[in-house]
Amino acid sequence: RGGGGEGVGRGVEGAGGGGGRRGKARGYRYMARSPHHRGGPVAAWYLGRQAMELARTAGDTSLTAEALNVLAGFECEAGATQSARERYVAVDVR
């Protein structure tokens, strides 16, 4: 059970993500929070990363920023504030 991904598509739809890249990005971002709070950082990271990539390919800067915020938040909570800062700087959401 470590990596996330298995059965995620059905979960994304069930989480209210709906169809298309934007809907899936919302679903992945929403779902990333659950394993994170249950102590499953690998699955949370996978889902957050998927959310960011889907939002980016959909061209939705708002959703990209929301997913980036989730990922950087995970890093801050883990004490990796420098890594979180670098992540924010590296992703252009303009």
PDB file of N, CA and C in Angstrom:
ATOM      1  N   ARG A   1       0.792  -1.216   0.000  1.00  0.00           N
ATOM      2  CA  ARG A   1       0.000   0.000   0.000  1.00  0.00           C
ATOM      3  C   ARG A   1       0.823   1.263   0.000  1.00  0.00           C
ATOM      4  N   GLY A   2       1.996   1.377  -0.294  1.00  0.00           N
ATOM      5  CA  GLY A   2       2.750   2.599  -0.079  1.00  0.00           C
ATOM      6  C   GLY A   2       2.592   3.684  -1.096  1.00  0.00           C
ATOM      7  N   GLY A   3       2.533   3.380  -2.418  1.00  0.00           N
ATOM      8  CA  GLY A   3       2.710   4.408  -3.408  1.00  0.00           C
ATOM      9  C   GLY A   3       1.532   5.262  -3.772  1.00  0.00           C
ATOM     10  N   GLY A   4       0.318   4.873  -3.512  1.00  0.00           N
ATOM     11  CA  GLY A   4      -0.834   5.660  -3.969  1.00  0.00           C
ATOM     12  C   GLY A   4      -1.145   5.237  -5.386  1.00  0.00           C
ATOM     13  N   GLY A   5      -1.864   5.748  -6.185  1.00  0.00           N
ATOM     14  CA  GLY A   5      -2.015   5.381  -7.566  1.00  0.00           C
ATOM     15  C   GLY A   5      -2.991   4.267  -7.864  1.00  0.00           C
ATOM     16  N   GLU A   6      -2.994   3.184  -7.129  1.00  0.00           N
ATOM     17  CA  GLU A   6      -3.862   2.058  -7.425  1.00  0.00           C
ATOM     18  C   GLU A   6      -5.300   2.412  -7.063  1.00  0.00           C
ATOM     19  N   GLY A   7      -6.174   2.384  -8.054  1.00  0.00           N
ATOM     20  CA  GLY A   7      -7.567   2.730  -7.804  1.00  0.00           C
ATOM     21  C   GLY A   7      -7.810   4.213  -7.587  1.00  0.00           C
ATOM     22  N   VAL A   8      -6.811   5.021  -7.856  1.00  0.00           N
ATOM     23  CA  VAL A   8      -6.925   6.453  -7.587  1.00  0.00           C
ATOM     24  C   VAL A   8      -7.944   7.120  -8.492  1.00  0.00           C
ATOM     25  N   GLY A   9      -8.021   6.681  -9.729  1.00  0.00           N
ATOM     26  CA  GLY A   9      -8.972   7.289 -10.657  1.00  0.00           C
ATOM     27  C   GLY A   9     -10.395   7.236 -10.135  1.00  0.00           C
ATOM     28  N   ARG A  10     -10.803   6.077  -9.631  1.00  0.00           N
ATOM     29  CA  ARG A  10     -12.143   5.947  -9.062  1.00  0.00           C
ATOM     30  C   ARG A  10     -12.282   6.836  -7.836  1.00  0.00           C
ATOM     31  N   GLY A  11     -11.241   6.898  -7.027  1.00  0.00           N
ATOM     32  CA  GLY A  11     -11.267   7.734  -5.828  1.00  0.00           C
ATOM     33  C   GLY A  11     -11.376   9.203  -6.155  1.00  0.00           C
ATOM     34  N   VAL A  12     -10.695   9.620  -7.211  1.00  0.00           N
ATOM     35  CA  VAL A  12     -10.741  11.028  -7.629  1.00  0.00           C
ATOM     36  C   VAL A  12     -12.155  11.397  -8.016  1.00  0.00           C
ATOM     37  N   GLU A  13     -12.812  10.535  -8.789  1.00  0.00           N
ATOM     38  CA  GLU A  13     -14.188  10.816  -9.179  1.00  0.00           C
ATOM     39  C   GLU A  13     -15.099  10.834  -7.959  1.00  0.00           C
ATOM     40  N   GLY A  14     -14.871   9.920  -7.032  1.00  0.00           N
ATOM     41  CA  GLY A  14     -15.673   9.865  -5.816  1.00  0.00           C
ATOM     42  C   GLY A  14     -15.440  11.055  -4.909  1.00  0.00           C
ATOM     43  N   ALA A  15     -14.265  11.665  -4.996  1.00  0.00           N
ATOM     44  CA  ALA A  15     -13.938  12.822  -4.158  1.00  0.00           C
ATOM     45  C   ALA A  15     -14.494  14.121  -4.732  1.00  0.00           C
ATOM     46  N   GLY A  16     -15.248  14.022  -5.807  1.00  0.00           N
ATOM     47  CA  GLY A  16     -15.847  15.228  -6.366  1.00  0.00           C
ATOM     48  C   GLY A  16     -14.995  15.868  -7.438  1.00  0.00           C
ATOM     49  N   GLY A  17     -13.983  15.140  -7.907  1.00  0.00           N
ATOM     50  CA  GLY A  17     -13.105  15.700  -8.911  1.00  0.00           C
ATOM     51  C   GLY A  17     -13.775  15.857 -10.259  1.00  0.00           C
ATOM     52  N   GLY A  18     -14.690  14.948 -10.576  1.00  0.00           N
ATOM     53  CA  GLY A  18     -15.371  15.016 -11.849  1.00  0.00           C
ATOM     54  C   GLY A  18     -14.445  14.642 -12.986  1.00  0.00           C
ATOM     55  N   GLY A  19     -14.763  15.084 -14.187  1.00  0.00           N
ATOM     56  CA  GLY A  19     -13.972  14.727 -15.346  1.00  0.00           C
ATOM     57  C   GLY A  19     -13.005  15.812 -15.749  1.00  0.00           C
ATOM     58  N   GLY A  20     -12.212  15.490 -16.719  1.00  0.00           N
ATOM     59  CA  GLY A  20     -11.242  16.434 -17.249  1.00  0.00           C
ATOM     60  C   GLY A  20     -10.076  16.671 -16.298  1.00  0.00           C
ATOM     61  N   ARG A  21      -9.074  17.336 -16.815  1.00  0.00           N
ATOM     62  CA  ARG A  21      -7.871  17.587 -16.019  1.00  0.00           C
ATOM     63  C   ARG A  21      -8.142  18.456 -14.798  1.00  0.00           C
ATOM     64  N   ARG A  22      -8.950  19.479 -14.971  1.00  0.00           N
ATOM     65  CA  ARG A  22      -9.234  20.366 -13.831  1.00  0.00           C
ATOM     66  C   ARG A  22      -9.945  19.620 -12.705  1.00  0.00           C
ATOM     67  N   GLY A  23     -10.945  18.839 -13.070  1.00  0.00           N
ATOM     68  CA  GLY A  23     -11.679  18.072 -12.068  1.00  0.00           C
ATOM     69  C   GLY A  23     -10.799  17.046 -11.384  1.00  0.00           C
ATOM     70  N   LYS A  24      -9.956  16.383 -12.154  1.00  0.00           N
ATOM     71  CA  LYS A  24      -9.048  15.403 -11.564  1.00  0.00           C
ATOM     72  C   LYS A  24      -8.024  16.079 -10.664  1.00  0.00           C
ATOM     73  N   ALA A  25      -7.544  17.251 -11.068  1.00  0.00           N
ATOM     74  CA  ALA A  25      -6.585  17.983 -10.236  1.00  0.00           C
ATOM     75  C   ALA A  25      -7.213  18.324  -8.891  1.00  0.00           C
ATOM     76  N   ARG A  26      -8.471  18.762  -8.916  1.00  0.00           N
ATOM     77  CA  ARG A  26      -9.167  19.059  -7.655  1.00  0.00           C
ATOM     78  C   ARG A  26      -9.288  17.801  -6.799  1.00  0.00           C
ATOM     79  N   GLY A  27      -9.666  16.693  -7.438  1.00  0.00           N
ATOM     80  CA  GLY A  27      -9.827  15.437  -6.712  1.00  0.00           C
ATOM     81  C   GLY A  27      -8.526  14.941  -6.101  1.00  0.00           C
ATOM     82  N   TYR A  28      -7.446  14.982  -6.866  1.00  0.00           N
ATOM     83  CA  TYR A  28      -6.144  14.550  -6.342  1.00  0.00           C
ATOM     84  C   TYR A  28      -5.701  15.426  -5.173  1.00  0.00           C
ATOM     85  N   ARG A  29      -5.889  16.731  -5.302  1.00  0.00           N
ATOM     86  CA  ARG A  29      -5.491  17.640  -4.228  1.00  0.00           C
ATOM     87  C   ARG A  29      -6.294  17.339  -2.968  1.00  0.00           C
ATOM     88  N   TYR A  30      -7.582  17.148  -3.139  1.00  0.00           N
ATOM     89  CA  TYR A  30      -8.449  16.830  -2.004  1.00  0.00           C
ATOM     90  C   TYR A  30      -8.013  15.514  -1.352  1.00  0.00           C
ATOM     91  N   MET A  31      -7.766  14.515  -2.174  1.00  0.00           N
ATOM     92  CA  MET A  31      -7.397  13.194  -1.656  1.00  0.00           C
ATOM     93  C   MET A  31      -6.013  13.181  -1.013  1.00  0.00           C
ATOM     94  N   ALA A  32      -5.126  14.070  -1.412  1.00  0.00           N
ATOM     95  CA  ALA A  32      -3.773  14.104  -0.842  1.00  0.00           C
ATOM     96  C   ALA A  32      -3.815  14.420   0.643  1.00  0.00           C
ATOM     97  N   ARG A  33      -4.799  15.170   1.054  1.00  0.00           N
ATOM     98  CA  ARG A  33      -4.871  15.548   2.468  1.00  0.00           C
ATOM     99  C   ARG A  33      -5.185  14.366   3.373  1.00  0.00           C
ATOM    100  N   SER A  34      -5.992  13.431   2.918  1.00  0.00           N
ATOM    101  CA  SER A  34      -6.405  12.312   3.759  1.00  0.00           C
ATOM    102  C   SER A  34      -5.239  11.420   4.175  1.00  0.00           C
ATOM    103  N   PRO A  35      -4.432  10.883   3.228  1.00  0.00           N
ATOM    104  CA  PRO A  35      -3.303  10.055   3.684  1.00  0.00           C
ATOM    105  C   PRO A  35      -2.270  10.858   4.459  1.00  0.00           C
ATOM    106  N   HIS A  36      -2.163  12.133   4.148  1.00  0.00           N
ATOM    107  CA  HIS A  36      -1.219  12.977   4.875  1.00  0.00           C
ATOM    108  C   HIS A  36      -1.596  13.019   6.359  1.00  0.00           C
ATOM    109  N   HIS A  37      -2.871  13.210   6.632  1.00  0.00           N
ATOM    110  CA  HIS A  37      -3.328  13.291   8.019  1.00  0.00           C
ATOM    111  C   HIS A  37      -3.294  11.933   8.719  1.00  0.00           C
ATOM    112  N   ARG A  38      -3.325  10.859   7.951  1.00  0.00           N
ATOM    113  CA  ARG A  38      -3.256   9.517   8.534  1.00  0.00           C
ATOM    114  C   ARG A  38      -1.820   9.010   8.615  1.00  0.00           C
ATOM    115  N   GLY A  39      -0.851   9.838   8.262  1.00  0.00           N
ATOM    116  CA  GLY A  39       0.549   9.434   8.361  1.00  0.00           C
ATOM    117  C   GLY A  39       1.058   8.679   7.148  1.00  0.00           C
ATOM    118  N   GLY A  40       0.466   8.899   5.983  1.00  0.00           N
ATOM    119  CA  GLY A  40       0.901   8.245   4.752  1.00  0.00           C
ATOM    120  C   GLY A  40       1.553   9.229   3.800  1.00  0.00           C
ATOM    121  N   PRO A  41       2.772   9.674   4.111  1.00  0.00           N
ATOM    122  CA  PRO A  41       3.377  10.741   3.318  1.00  0.00           C
ATOM    123  C   PRO A  41       3.647  10.370   1.860  1.00  0.00           C
ATOM    124  N   VAL A  42       3.924   9.105   1.571  1.00  0.00           N
ATOM    125  CA  VAL A  42       4.217   8.715   0.185  1.00  0.00           C
ATOM    126  C   VAL A  42       2.979   8.888  -0.681  1.00  0.00           C
ATOM    127  N   ALA A  43       1.851   8.374  -0.210  1.00  0.00           N
ATOM    128  CA  ALA A  43       0.608   8.506  -0.971  1.00  0.00           C
ATOM    129  C   ALA A  43       0.190   9.965  -1.070  1.00  0.00           C
ATOM    130  N   ALA A  44       0.336  10.713   0.019  1.00  0.00           N
ATOM    131  CA  ALA A  44      -0.043  12.123   0.014  1.00  0.00           C
ATOM    132  C   ALA A  44       0.794  12.895  -1.000  1.00  0.00           C
ATOM    133  N   TRP A  45       2.088  12.636  -1.004  1.00  0.00           N
ATOM    134  CA  TRP A  45       2.983  13.320  -1.938  1.00  0.00           C
ATOM    135  C   TRP A  45       2.617  12.974  -3.381  1.00  0.00           C
ATOM    136  N   TYR A  46       2.376  11.688  -3.651  1.00  0.00           N
ATOM    137  CA  TYR A  46       2.002  11.235  -4.990  1.00  0.00           C
ATOM    138  C   TYR A  46       0.739  11.963  -5.467  1.00  0.00           C
ATOM    139  N   LEU A  47      -0.278  11.986  -4.635  1.00  0.00           N
ATOM    140  CA  LEU A  47      -1.545  12.609  -5.007  1.00  0.00           C
ATOM    141  C   LEU A  47      -1.395  14.115  -5.203  1.00  0.00           C
ATOM    142  N   GLY A  48      -0.648  14.757  -4.337  1.00  0.00           N
ATOM    143  CA  GLY A  48      -0.413  16.195  -4.473  1.00  0.00           C
ATOM    144  C   GLY A  48       0.338  16.528  -5.746  1.00  0.00           C
ATOM    145  N   ARG A  49       1.327  15.712  -6.061  1.00  0.00           N
ATOM    146  CA  ARG A  49       2.115  15.916  -7.284  1.00  0.00           C
ATOM    147  C   ARG A  49       1.249  15.727  -8.526  1.00  0.00           C
ATOM    148  N   GLN A  50       0.398  14.692  -8.496  1.00  0.00           N
ATOM    149  CA  GLN A  50      -0.515  14.457  -9.613  1.00  0.00           C
ATOM    150  C   GLN A  50      -1.453  15.649  -9.793  1.00  0.00           C
ATOM    151  N   ALA A  51      -1.954  16.187  -8.681  1.00  0.00           N
ATOM    152  CA  ALA A  51      -2.843  17.345  -8.741  1.00  0.00           C
ATOM    153  C   ALA A  51      -2.142  18.522  -9.414  1.00  0.00           C
ATOM    154  N   MET A  52      -0.898  18.753  -9.032  1.00  0.00           N
ATOM    155  CA  MET A  52      -0.176  19.879  -9.598  1.00  0.00           C
ATOM    156  C   MET A  52       0.079  19.690 -11.091  1.00  0.00           C
ATOM    157  N   GLU A  53       0.474  18.506 -11.487  1.00  0.00           N
ATOM    158  CA  GLU A  53       0.752  18.266 -12.911  1.00  0.00           C
ATOM    159  C   GLU A  53      -0.516  18.356 -13.758  1.00  0.00           C
ATOM    160  N   LEU A  54      -1.620  17.813 -13.271  1.00  0.00           N
ATOM    161  CA  LEU A  54      -2.876  17.903 -14.017  1.00  0.00           C
ATOM    162  C   LEU A  54      -3.341  19.354 -14.143  1.00  0.00           C
ATOM    163  N   ALA A  55      -3.241  20.106 -13.058  1.00  0.00           N
ATOM    164  CA  ALA A  55      -3.646  21.513 -13.099  1.00  0.00           C
ATOM    165  C   ALA A  55      -2.764  22.293 -14.066  1.00  0.00           C
ATOM    166  N   ARG A  56      -1.482  21.986 -14.040  1.00  0.00           N
ATOM    167  CA  ARG A  56      -0.536  22.670 -14.926  1.00  0.00           C
ATOM    168  C   ARG A  56      -0.841  22.383 -16.387  1.00  0.00           C
ATOM    169  N   THR A  57      -1.065  21.105 -16.720  1.00  0.00           N
ATOM    170  CA  THR A  57      -1.344  20.758 -18.112  1.00  0.00           C
ATOM    171  C   THR A  57      -2.701  21.283 -18.565  1.00  0.00           C
ATOM    172  N   ALA A  58      -3.610  21.520 -17.614  1.00  0.00           N
ATOM    173  CA  ALA A  58      -4.906  22.114 -17.954  1.00  0.00           C
ATOM    174  C   ALA A  58      -4.787  23.624 -18.119  1.00  0.00           C
ATOM    175  N   GLY A  59      -3.634  24.176 -17.729  1.00  0.00           N
ATOM    176  CA  GLY A  59      -3.433  25.618 -17.843  1.00  0.00           C
ATOM    177  C   GLY A  59      -4.171  26.414 -16.780  1.00  0.00           C
ATOM    178  N   ASP A  60      -4.512  25.774 -15.681  1.00  0.00           N
ATOM    179  CA  ASP A  60      -5.255  26.442 -14.611  1.00  0.00           C
ATOM    180  C   ASP A  60      -4.286  26.874 -13.518  1.00  0.00           C
ATOM    181  N   THR A  61      -3.907  28.145 -13.526  1.00  0.00           N
ATOM    182  CA  THR A  61      -2.905  28.633 -12.575  1.00  0.00           C
ATOM    183  C   THR A  61      -3.422  28.627 -11.141  1.00  0.00           C
ATOM    184  N   SER A  62      -4.706  28.834 -10.959  1.00  0.00           N
ATOM    185  CA  SER A  62      -5.267  28.817  -9.614  1.00  0.00           C
ATOM    186  C   SER A  62      -5.165  27.428  -8.992  1.00  0.00           C
ATOM    187  N   LEU A  63      -5.560  26.396  -9.743  1.00  0.00           N
ATOM    188  CA  LEU A  63      -5.456  25.021  -9.241  1.00  0.00           C
ATOM    189  C   LEU A  63      -4.002  24.600  -9.063  1.00  0.00           C
ATOM    190  N   THR A  64      -3.126  25.063  -9.957  1.00  0.00           N
ATOM    191  CA  THR A  64      -1.702  24.756  -9.819  1.00  0.00           C
ATOM    192  C   THR A  64      -1.178  25.335  -8.516  1.00  0.00           C
ATOM    193  N   ALA A  65      -1.551  26.574  -8.228  1.00  0.00           N
ATOM    194  CA  ALA A  65      -1.107  27.220  -6.993  1.00  0.00           C
ATOM    195  C   ALA A  65      -1.654  26.499  -5.763  1.00  0.00           C
ATOM    196  N   GLU A  66      -2.902  26.045  -5.820  1.00  0.00           N
ATOM    197  CA  GLU A  66      -3.489  25.322  -4.690  1.00  0.00           C
ATOM    198  C   GLU A  66      -2.750  24.005  -4.438  1.00  0.00           C
ATOM    199  N   ALA A  67      -2.431  23.277  -5.504  1.00  0.00           N
ATOM    200  CA  ALA A  67      -1.696  22.019  -5.349  1.00  0.00           C
ATOM    201  C   ALA A  67      -0.279  22.279  -4.850  1.00  0.00           C
ATOM    202  N   LEU A  68       0.347  23.325  -5.354  1.00  0.00           N
ATOM    203  CA  LEU A  68       1.680  23.702  -4.897  1.00  0.00           C
ATOM    204  C   LEU A  68       1.650  24.032  -3.411  1.00  0.00           C
ATOM    205  N   ASN A  69       0.626  24.709  -2.984  1.00  0.00           N
ATOM    206  CA  ASN A  69       0.485  25.059  -1.580  1.00  0.00           C
ATOM    207  C   ASN A  69       0.379  23.797  -0.711  1.00  0.00           C
ATOM    208  N   VAL A  70      -0.356  22.800  -1.180  1.00  0.00           N
ATOM    209  CA  VAL A  70      -0.479  21.543  -0.435  1.00  0.00           C
ATOM    210  C   VAL A  70       0.893  20.875  -0.317  1.00  0.00           C
ATOM    211  N   LEU A  71       1.626  20.773  -1.423  1.00  0.00           N
ATOM    212  CA  LEU A  71       2.944  20.124  -1.404  1.00  0.00           C
ATOM    213  C   LEU A  71       3.932  20.870  -0.507  1.00  0.00           C
ATOM    214  N   ALA A  72       3.967  22.184  -0.640  1.00  0.00           N
ATOM    215  CA  ALA A  72       4.887  22.961   0.185  1.00  0.00           C
ATOM    216  C   ALA A  72       4.480  22.886   1.654  1.00  0.00           C
ATOM    217  N   GLY A  73       3.193  22.804   1.911  1.00  0.00           N
ATOM    218  CA  GLY A  73       2.715  22.651   3.282  1.00  0.00           C
ATOM    219  C   GLY A  73       3.194  21.355   3.901  1.00  0.00           C
ATOM    220  N   PHE A  74       3.173  20.272   3.117  1.00  0.00           N
ATOM    221  CA  PHE A  74       3.692  18.987   3.607  1.00  0.00           C
ATOM    222  C   PHE A  74       5.155  19.142   4.017  1.00  0.00           C
ATOM    223  N   GLU A  75       5.925  19.839   3.165  1.00  0.00           N
ATOM    224  CA  GLU A  75       7.347  20.021   3.444  1.00  0.00           C
ATOM    225  C   GLU A  75       7.568  20.877   4.688  1.00  0.00           C
ATOM    226  N   CYS A  76       6.787  21.931   4.826  1.00  0.00           N
ATOM    227  CA  CYS A  76       6.921  22.790   6.015  1.00  0.00           C
ATOM    228  C   CYS A  76       6.622  22.002   7.286  1.00  0.00           C
ATOM    229  N   GLU A  77       5.566  21.209   7.261  1.00  0.00           N
ATOM    230  CA  GLU A  77       5.213  20.403   8.431  1.00  0.00           C
ATOM    231  C   GLU A  77       6.305  19.404   8.781  1.00  0.00           C
ATOM    232  N   ALA A  78       7.042  18.967   7.775  1.00  0.00           N
ATOM    233  CA  ALA A  78       8.133  18.013   8.008  1.00  0.00           C
ATOM    234  C   ALA A  78       9.422  18.725   8.413  1.00  0.00           C
ATOM    235  N   GLY A  79       9.374  20.061   8.486  1.00  0.00           N
ATOM    236  CA  GLY A  79      10.554  20.826   8.875  1.00  0.00           C
ATOM    237  C   GLY A  79      11.469  21.175   7.725  1.00  0.00           C
ATOM    238  N   ALA A  80      11.039  20.919   6.502  1.00  0.00           N
ATOM    239  CA  ALA A  80      11.858  21.188   5.322  1.00  0.00           C
ATOM    240  C   ALA A  80      11.469  22.532   4.710  1.00  0.00           C
ATOM    241  N   THR A  81      11.629  23.594   5.474  1.00  0.00           N
ATOM    242  CA  THR A  81      11.188  24.906   5.006  1.00  0.00           C
ATOM    243  C   THR A  81      11.993  25.413   3.809  1.00  0.00           C
ATOM    244  N   GLN A  82      13.275  25.086   3.753  1.00  0.00           N
ATOM    245  CA  GLN A  82      14.090  25.511   2.607  1.00  0.00           C
ATOM    246  C   GLN A  82      13.607  24.828   1.329  1.00  0.00           C
ATOM    247  N   SER A  83      13.294  23.559   1.424  1.00  0.00           N
ATOM    248  CA  SER A  83      12.781  22.821   0.276  1.00  0.00           C
ATOM    249  C   SER A  83      11.436  23.398  -0.179  1.00  0.00           C
ATOM    250  N   ALA A  84      10.575  23.740   0.783  1.00  0.00           N
ATOM    251  CA  ALA A  84       9.280  24.347   0.451  1.00  0.00           C
ATOM    252  C   ALA A  84       9.485  25.672  -0.263  1.00  0.00           C
ATOM    253  N   ARG A  85      10.423  26.470   0.221  1.00  0.00           N
ATOM    254  CA  ARG A  85      10.713  27.760  -0.409  1.00  0.00           C
ATOM    255  C   ARG A  85      11.195  27.569  -1.841  1.00  0.00           C
ATOM    256  N   GLU A  86      12.084  26.617  -2.038  1.00  0.00           N
ATOM    257  CA  GLU A  86      12.608  26.342  -3.375  1.00  0.00           C
ATOM    258  C   GLU A  86      11.496  25.882  -4.306  1.00  0.00           C
ATOM    259  N   ARG A  87      10.564  25.105  -3.791  1.00  0.00           N
ATOM    260  CA  ARG A  87       9.438  24.628  -4.597  1.00  0.00           C
ATOM    261  C   ARG A  87       8.598  25.819  -5.060  1.00  0.00           C
ATOM    262  N   TYR A  88       8.296  26.746  -4.134  1.00  0.00           N
ATOM    263  CA  TYR A  88       7.515  27.930  -4.501  1.00  0.00           C
ATOM    264  C   TYR A  88       8.216  28.753  -5.570  1.00  0.00           C
ATOM    265  N   VAL A  89       9.498  28.939  -5.427  1.00  0.00           N
ATOM    266  CA  VAL A  89      10.269  29.750  -6.369  1.00  0.00           C
ATOM    267  C   VAL A  89      10.348  29.077  -7.746  1.00  0.00           C
ATOM    268  N   ALA A  90      10.460  27.747  -7.758  1.00  0.00           N
ATOM    269  CA  ALA A  90      10.662  27.012  -9.013  1.00  0.00           C
ATOM    270  C   ALA A  90       9.418  26.933  -9.878  1.00  0.00           C
ATOM    271  N   VAL A  91       8.235  27.031  -9.293  1.00  0.00           N
ATOM    272  CA  VAL A  91       6.999  26.871 -10.062  1.00  0.00           C
ATOM    273  C   VAL A  91       6.427  28.245 -10.372  1.00  0.00           C
ATOM    274  N   ASP A  92       6.287  28.512 -11.653  1.00  0.00           N
ATOM    275  CA  ASP A  92       5.731  29.787 -12.102  1.00  0.00           C
ATOM    276  C   ASP A  92       4.235  29.616 -12.323  1.00  0.00           C
ATOM    277  N   VAL A  93       3.436  30.244 -11.504  1.00  0.00           N
ATOM    278  CA  VAL A  93       1.977  30.119 -11.637  1.00  0.00           C
ATOM    279  C   VAL A  93       1.336  31.402 -12.133  1.00  0.00           C
ATOM    280  N   ARG A  94       2.107  32.220 -12.815  1.00  0.00           N
ATOM    281  CA  ARG A  94       1.542  33.457 -13.379  1.00  0.00           C
ATOM    282  C   ARG A  94       0.787  33.183 -14.644  1.00  0.00           C
TER     283      ARG A  94
END
